[in-house]
């Protein structure tokens, strides 16, 4: 794919309107250095030099999209707490619409705090409560979806397994989307096995694909096109989920696309250096969906997703890729 084609896709993408539904969270980072071991316990003492925070989980998918289109909404549940207010503020600073965030009393905003020293994560602290949405919360979410559908070109489900994405929610959203022919994609969670039939595309990683297919993963083959268990997992998932497109991300081996009966298509990794893999899946589902919505073929969308993911793993923290970086990653 040449740069002229990429420019055409990204130009078309700039006017697309995307709704992200899923587990939103606040990613906090505490940066410092380790110079000694604590006298209280055999653990390092981190001397803090700075702190930062970013939208995480499904909110990070929205953040990745916002680099390419200014029409991005995120729908999820936040608590009536300071963390929820902070997350909302961070999203709004990046031009992401937060009118679909649902505040629920008694349910804390999900927060993940990472402590990093010498470019390595020392420990992560999670604050979360896993719970399926109540009947009232589900009604509120579906009402929000129905309200914004006339202003939506595609929907992304981002499931981090925190309880929001339940079968009833998926079915309700897909039923509404079908009335307007809206494209729906999914980044699934194997701990939450749903019936995903009716969606346009699903993007699991290798481990998630094997878990969902019920096949022991084994060691990955150097050539994914000769990896018989991987190909079988893809075949089973296409059949089970009754989906036209399945994109399996393979880390250092790139991505493998199954597209509506066509032979599998492998795009090798584009990463030059790997510092932090957190958020790479968010980038992949964001770019794949956006490209499809902009008229790209499934293979073109997979290439854009693969290049984007290869860029973000070379950055520390919850990172994104912009249009200039993405274009520059392709040969002239």
Protein backbone atom coordinates (compact mmCIF):
# COMPACT_ATOMS: atom_id res chain seq x y z
CA UNK A 1 0.00 0.00 0.00
CA UNK A 2 1.53 3.33 -1.08
CA UNK A 3 1.36 6.62 0.75
CA UNK A 4 -1.14 8.15 -1.67
CA UNK A 5 -3.61 5.39 -0.80
CA UNK A 6 -2.94 5.91 2.91
CA UNK A 7 -3.56 9.64 2.59
CA UNK A 8 -6.87 8.91 0.81
CA UNK A 9 -8.00 6.55 3.57
CA UNK A 10 -6.98 8.93 6.36
CA UNK A 11 -8.64 11.85 4.58
CA UNK A 12 -11.91 9.92 4.39
CA UNK A 13 -11.49 8.81 8.01
CA UNK A 14 -11.26 12.38 9.29
CA UNK A 15 -15.02 12.87 8.89
CA UNK A 16 -16.12 9.53 10.33
CA UNK A 17 -18.02 9.35 13.62
CA UNK A 18 -17.08 6.51 15.96
CA UNK A 19 -18.73 5.34 19.19
CA UNK A 20 -16.58 3.28 21.58
CA UNK A 21 -18.46 1.16 24.13
CA UNK A 22 -16.62 -0.61 26.92
CA UNK A 23 -14.74 -0.63 30.19
CA UNK A 24 -13.32 2.84 30.66
CA UNK A 25 -10.59 3.45 33.20
CA UNK A 26 -7.99 5.92 34.37
CA UNK A 27 -4.35 4.97 33.78
CA UNK A 28 -2.02 6.58 36.30
CA UNK A 29 1.77 6.55 36.02
CA UNK A 30 4.19 7.29 38.85
CA UNK A 31 7.71 7.82 37.50
CA UNK A 32 10.83 7.70 39.62
CA UNK A 33 14.15 6.05 40.34
CA UNK A 34 15.25 3.23 42.60
CA UNK A 35 18.37 3.86 44.68
CA UNK A 36 17.91 1.54 47.64
CA UNK A 37 15.96 -1.33 49.18
CA UNK A 38 13.46 -0.56 51.93
CA UNK A 39 14.63 -1.37 55.48
CA UNK A 40 11.03 -2.41 56.24
CA UNK A 41 10.77 -5.17 53.63
CA UNK A 42 12.86 -6.54 50.71
CA UNK A 43 11.27 -4.20 48.17
CA UNK A 44 12.70 -1.27 46.18
CA UNK A 45 12.08 2.29 47.31
CA UNK A 46 10.96 4.45 44.38
CA UNK A 47 11.77 8.14 44.68
CA UNK A 48 9.03 9.86 42.69
CA UNK A 49 10.04 12.42 40.08
CA UNK A 50 6.74 12.97 38.26
CA UNK A 51 3.20 11.66 37.88
CA UNK A 52 0.92 11.52 34.84
CA UNK A 53 -2.46 10.09 33.92
CA UNK A 54 -4.27 9.15 30.72
CA UNK A 55 -7.59 7.67 29.60
CA UNK A 56 -7.28 3.88 29.69
CA UNK A 57 -9.15 0.78 28.58
CA UNK A 58 -11.97 1.63 26.19
CA UNK A 59 -11.16 5.30 26.75
CA UNK A 60 -7.70 4.68 25.27
CA UNK A 61 -9.33 3.30 22.12
CA UNK A 62 -11.23 6.59 21.86
CA UNK A 63 -7.98 8.47 22.45
CA UNK A 64 -6.32 6.61 19.56
CA UNK A 65 -9.23 7.45 17.28
CA UNK A 66 -9.09 11.12 18.24
CA UNK A 67 -5.71 11.40 16.51
CA UNK A 68 -7.48 10.82 13.18
CA UNK A 69 -11.05 12.10 13.57
CA UNK A 70 -12.58 14.69 15.87
CA UNK A 71 -15.92 12.88 16.01
CA UNK A 72 -15.34 10.30 18.74
CA UNK A 73 -17.66 9.37 21.58
CA UNK A 74 -16.99 7.01 24.46
CA UNK A 75 -19.70 5.16 26.35
CA UNK A 76 -18.93 3.48 29.64
CA UNK A 77 -19.58 3.56 33.36
CA UNK A 78 -17.75 5.82 35.81
CA UNK A 79 -18.26 6.40 39.49
CA UNK A 80 -19.43 9.61 41.08
CA UNK A 81 -15.92 10.24 42.34
CA UNK A 82 -12.83 12.33 41.70
CA UNK A 83 -11.29 9.72 39.43
CA UNK A 84 -14.36 9.75 37.19
CA UNK A 85 -14.32 13.53 36.98
CA UNK A 86 -10.60 13.48 36.19
CA UNK A 87 -11.11 10.89 33.44
CA UNK A 88 -13.93 12.91 31.93
CA UNK A 89 -11.74 16.01 31.95
CA UNK A 90 -8.82 14.23 30.26
CA UNK A 91 -11.11 12.93 27.52
CA UNK A 92 -12.62 16.35 26.91
CA UNK A 93 -9.15 17.90 26.69
CA UNK A 94 -8.50 15.60 23.73
CA UNK A 95 -11.78 16.50 22.02
CA UNK A 96 -13.54 13.25 22.85
CA UNK A 97 -17.27 13.53 23.54
CA UNK A 98 -18.21 12.31 27.02
CA UNK A 99 -21.97 12.85 26.96
CA UNK A 100 -22.50 9.06 26.84
CA UNK A 101 -20.55 8.32 30.02
CA UNK A 102 -22.98 6.94 32.61
CA UNK A 103 -22.32 7.82 36.26
CA UNK A 104 -23.38 5.11 38.70
CA UNK A 105 -23.45 5.71 42.44
CA UNK A 106 -21.63 3.10 44.50
CA UNK A 107 -19.52 1.84 41.56
CA UNK A 108 -15.99 3.27 41.69
CA UNK A 109 -14.19 4.44 38.57
CA UNK A 110 -11.61 1.84 37.51
CA UNK A 111 -8.06 3.07 38.13
CA UNK A 112 -4.77 1.36 37.27
CA UNK A 113 -1.66 2.89 38.82
CA UNK A 114 1.72 1.86 37.41
CA UNK A 115 4.95 2.68 39.23
CA UNK A 116 7.87 2.89 36.79
CA UNK A 117 11.59 3.21 37.48
CA UNK A 118 14.40 3.05 34.92
CA UNK A 119 11.85 2.51 32.16
CA UNK A 120 10.58 -0.65 33.84
CA UNK A 121 7.32 -1.24 35.65
CA UNK A 122 7.96 -2.00 39.32
CA UNK A 123 4.38 -2.72 40.36
CA UNK A 124 0.80 -2.03 39.31
CA UNK A 125 -2.02 -1.19 41.70
CA UNK A 126 -5.61 -1.78 40.50
CA UNK A 127 -8.73 -0.20 41.97
CA UNK A 128 -11.83 -1.82 40.49
CA UNK A 129 -15.12 -3.55 41.18
CA UNK A 130 -16.28 -6.09 38.62
CA UNK A 131 -20.04 -6.13 38.19
CA UNK A 132 -22.54 -6.53 35.38
CA UNK A 133 -24.70 -3.47 34.73
CA UNK A 134 -27.99 -3.31 36.60
CA UNK A 135 -31.24 -3.30 34.62
CA UNK A 136 -31.46 0.47 35.13
CA UNK A 137 -27.88 1.07 33.97
CA UNK A 138 -28.45 -1.14 30.92
CA UNK A 139 -31.56 0.85 29.97
CA UNK A 140 -29.60 4.08 30.36
CA UNK A 141 -26.77 2.79 28.14
CA UNK A 142 -29.11 1.57 25.38
CA UNK A 143 -30.97 4.89 25.51
CA UNK A 144 -27.67 6.70 24.96
CA UNK A 145 -26.82 4.46 22.01
CA UNK A 146 -30.22 5.02 20.44
CA UNK A 147 -29.83 8.77 20.90
CA UNK A 148 -26.45 9.06 19.16
CA UNK A 149 -26.93 6.48 16.37
CA UNK A 150 -27.92 9.14 13.79
CA UNK A 151 -24.48 10.69 14.42
CA UNK A 152 -22.52 7.41 14.29
CA UNK A 153 -20.75 5.59 11.44
CA UNK A 154 -19.20 2.73 13.43
CA UNK A 155 -19.31 1.17 16.89
CA UNK A 156 -16.41 -0.51 18.72
CA UNK A 157 -16.93 -2.88 21.65
CA UNK A 158 -13.84 -2.85 23.88
CA UNK A 159 -14.15 -5.59 26.51
CA UNK A 160 -11.61 -5.55 29.34
CA UNK A 161 -13.61 -8.10 31.30
CA UNK A 162 -14.78 -5.71 34.02
CA UNK A 163 -18.45 -6.63 33.67
CA UNK A 164 -19.96 -3.96 31.44
CA UNK A 165 -20.10 -5.92 28.18
CA UNK A 166 -22.85 -8.46 28.84
CA UNK A 167 -24.81 -10.47 26.27
CA UNK A 168 -27.92 -8.35 26.73
CA UNK A 169 -25.93 -5.17 26.07
CA UNK A 170 -24.23 -6.61 22.98
CA UNK A 171 -27.53 -7.87 21.56
CA UNK A 172 -29.31 -4.58 22.24
CA UNK A 173 -26.60 -2.45 20.65
CA UNK A 174 -26.29 -4.72 17.59
CA UNK A 175 -30.05 -4.68 17.09
CA UNK A 176 -30.00 -0.89 17.08
CA UNK A 177 -26.97 -0.77 14.78
CA UNK A 178 -28.62 -3.09 12.24
CA UNK A 179 -31.49 -0.65 11.80
CA UNK A 180 -29.02 1.84 10.31
CA UNK A 181 -26.47 -0.49 8.74
CA UNK A 182 -23.73 0.64 11.13
CA UNK A 183 -20.44 -1.27 11.17
CA UNK A 184 -19.67 -2.97 14.53
CA UNK A 185 -16.26 -4.32 15.60
CA UNK A 186 -15.12 -6.08 18.77
CA UNK A 187 -11.98 -6.41 20.87
CA UNK A 188 -13.14 -9.41 22.96
CA UNK A 189 -12.15 -10.85 26.32
CA UNK A 190 -11.84 -14.65 26.65
CA UNK A 191 -13.04 -14.51 30.26
CA UNK A 192 -16.35 -13.18 28.93
CA UNK A 193 -17.48 -15.68 26.25
CA UNK A 194 -20.35 -14.03 24.39
CA UNK A 195 -22.22 -14.82 21.21
CA UNK A 196 -20.70 -12.22 18.90
CA UNK A 197 -22.73 -13.13 15.81
CA UNK A 198 -23.90 -10.15 13.82
CA UNK A 199 -20.81 -7.98 14.19
CA UNK A 200 -18.56 -6.96 11.29
CA UNK A 201 -15.14 -7.90 12.66
CA UNK A 202 -13.48 -9.28 15.81
CA UNK A 203 -9.88 -8.69 16.92
CA UNK A 204 -8.52 -11.08 19.58
CA UNK A 205 -4.83 -11.50 20.33
CA UNK A 206 -3.20 -14.92 19.94
CA UNK A 207 -3.83 -16.08 23.51
CA UNK A 208 -7.43 -14.84 23.41
CA UNK A 209 -8.04 -16.60 20.09
CA UNK A 210 -6.81 -19.95 21.40
CA UNK A 211 -8.76 -19.57 24.65
CA UNK A 212 -11.98 -18.73 22.78
CA UNK A 213 -11.45 -21.59 20.32
CA UNK A 214 -10.73 -24.09 23.09
CA UNK A 215 -7.36 -25.14 21.61
CA UNK A 216 -4.07 -25.39 23.58
CA UNK A 217 -1.84 -22.61 22.19
CA UNK A 218 1.57 -24.30 22.13
CA UNK A 219 4.61 -22.47 20.80
CA UNK A 220 3.98 -20.07 17.92
CA UNK A 221 5.49 -21.03 14.57
CA UNK A 222 7.97 -18.65 12.95
CA UNK A 223 5.64 -18.49 9.94
CA UNK A 224 2.00 -17.97 11.05
CA UNK A 225 0.83 -19.24 7.67
CA UNK A 226 2.30 -22.63 8.61
CA UNK A 227 1.03 -22.57 12.19
CA UNK A 228 -1.61 -25.32 11.98
CA UNK A 229 -3.11 -24.80 15.48
CA UNK A 230 -3.41 -21.04 14.84
CA UNK A 231 -5.10 -21.58 11.48
CA UNK A 232 -7.48 -24.07 13.09
CA UNK A 233 -8.29 -21.61 15.89
CA UNK A 234 -9.12 -18.96 13.30
CA UNK A 235 -11.32 -21.36 11.36
CA UNK A 236 -13.22 -22.36 14.50
CA UNK A 237 -13.77 -18.77 15.59
CA UNK A 238 -15.05 -17.67 12.18
CA UNK A 239 -17.53 -20.54 12.36
CA UNK A 240 -18.48 -20.05 16.02
CA UNK A 241 -18.84 -16.29 15.92
CA UNK A 242 -20.32 -16.22 12.40
CA UNK A 243 -18.29 -13.15 11.57
CA UNK A 244 -16.96 -11.98 8.21
CA UNK A 245 -13.59 -10.72 9.44
CA UNK A 246 -11.29 -12.02 12.17
CA UNK A 247 -8.01 -10.22 12.86
CA UNK A 248 -5.67 -12.06 15.26
CA UNK A 249 -2.80 -9.97 16.63
CA UNK A 250 0.39 -12.00 17.11
CA UNK A 251 2.83 -9.69 18.91
CA UNK A 252 6.29 -10.06 17.37
CA UNK A 253 4.76 -12.09 14.50
CA UNK A 254 2.43 -9.33 13.31
CA UNK A 255 -1.21 -10.04 12.52
CA UNK A 256 -3.23 -12.73 10.74
CA UNK A 257 -6.45 -11.81 8.93
CA UNK A 258 -9.30 -14.16 8.07
CA UNK A 259 -11.62 -12.39 5.63
CA UNK A 260 -14.91 -13.88 4.44
CA UNK A 261 -13.64 -17.16 3.02
CA UNK A 262 -10.51 -15.70 1.38
CA UNK A 263 -7.15 -17.33 2.17
CA UNK A 264 -5.66 -16.08 5.46
CA UNK A 265 -3.49 -12.98 5.08
CA UNK A 266 -0.38 -12.43 7.21
CA UNK A 267 1.17 -9.02 7.79
CA UNK A 268 4.51 -9.28 9.64
CA UNK A 269 5.38 -7.09 12.60
CA UNK A 270 6.38 -3.49 11.97
CA UNK A 271 7.79 -2.81 15.46
CA UNK A 272 11.38 -1.56 15.51
CA UNK A 273 11.79 -1.52 19.30
CA UNK A 274 9.46 -2.76 22.03
CA UNK A 275 9.33 -0.75 25.26
CA UNK A 276 5.71 -1.22 26.38
CA UNK A 277 3.01 -3.44 24.84
CA UNK A 278 0.19 -1.95 26.94
CA UNK A 279 -2.37 -0.30 24.70
CA UNK A 280 -1.18 -1.88 21.43
CA UNK A 281 -4.47 -3.78 21.10
CA UNK A 282 -6.38 -0.54 21.62
CA UNK A 283 -4.48 1.02 18.72
CA UNK A 284 -5.10 -2.02 16.53
CA UNK A 285 -8.89 -2.12 16.95
CA UNK A 286 -9.12 1.68 16.62
CA UNK A 287 -7.21 1.87 13.33
CA UNK A 288 -8.73 -1.29 11.86
CA UNK A 289 -12.26 -0.03 12.49
CA UNK A 290 -11.56 3.51 11.35
CA UNK A 291 -9.97 2.29 8.11
CA UNK A 292 -12.91 -0.01 7.32
CA UNK A 293 -15.31 2.85 7.97
CA UNK A 294 -13.27 5.03 5.59
CA UNK A 295 -13.60 2.53 2.75
CA UNK A 296 -10.38 0.51 3.14
CA UNK A 297 -10.34 -3.18 2.32
CA UNK A 298 -9.85 -5.61 5.21
CA UNK A 299 -6.22 -6.16 4.16
CA UNK A 300 -5.55 -2.43 3.97
CA UNK A 301 -7.15 -1.96 7.39
CA UNK A 302 -4.99 -4.76 8.81
CA UNK A 303 -1.83 -3.14 7.43
CA UNK A 304 -2.72 0.22 8.98
CA UNK A 305 -3.53 -1.44 12.32
CA UNK A 306 -0.28 -3.39 12.23
CA UNK A 307 1.86 -0.35 11.46
CA UNK A 308 0.13 1.70 14.16
CA UNK A 309 0.60 -1.00 16.80
CA UNK A 310 4.26 -1.31 15.83
CA UNK A 311 4.73 2.37 16.58
CA UNK A 312 3.01 2.48 19.98
CA UNK A 313 4.94 -0.47 21.43
CA UNK A 314 8.05 1.63 20.95
CA UNK A 315 6.68 4.21 23.42
CA UNK A 316 6.38 4.03 27.19
CA UNK A 317 2.99 4.34 28.86
CA UNK A 318 -0.51 4.51 27.38
CA UNK A 319 0.57 5.83 24.00
CA UNK A 320 -1.07 6.73 20.69
CA UNK A 321 0.10 7.17 17.11
CA UNK A 322 -0.64 10.19 14.93
CA UNK A 323 -1.24 10.45 11.19
CA UNK A 324 2.27 11.72 10.37
CA UNK A 325 3.92 8.80 12.21
CA UNK A 326 1.60 6.30 10.57
CA UNK A 327 2.23 7.58 7.04
CA UNK A 328 5.99 7.76 7.64
CA UNK A 329 6.05 4.08 8.69
CA UNK A 330 5.18 3.05 5.11
CA UNK A 331 7.74 3.17 2.30
CA UNK A 332 7.51 6.21 0.06
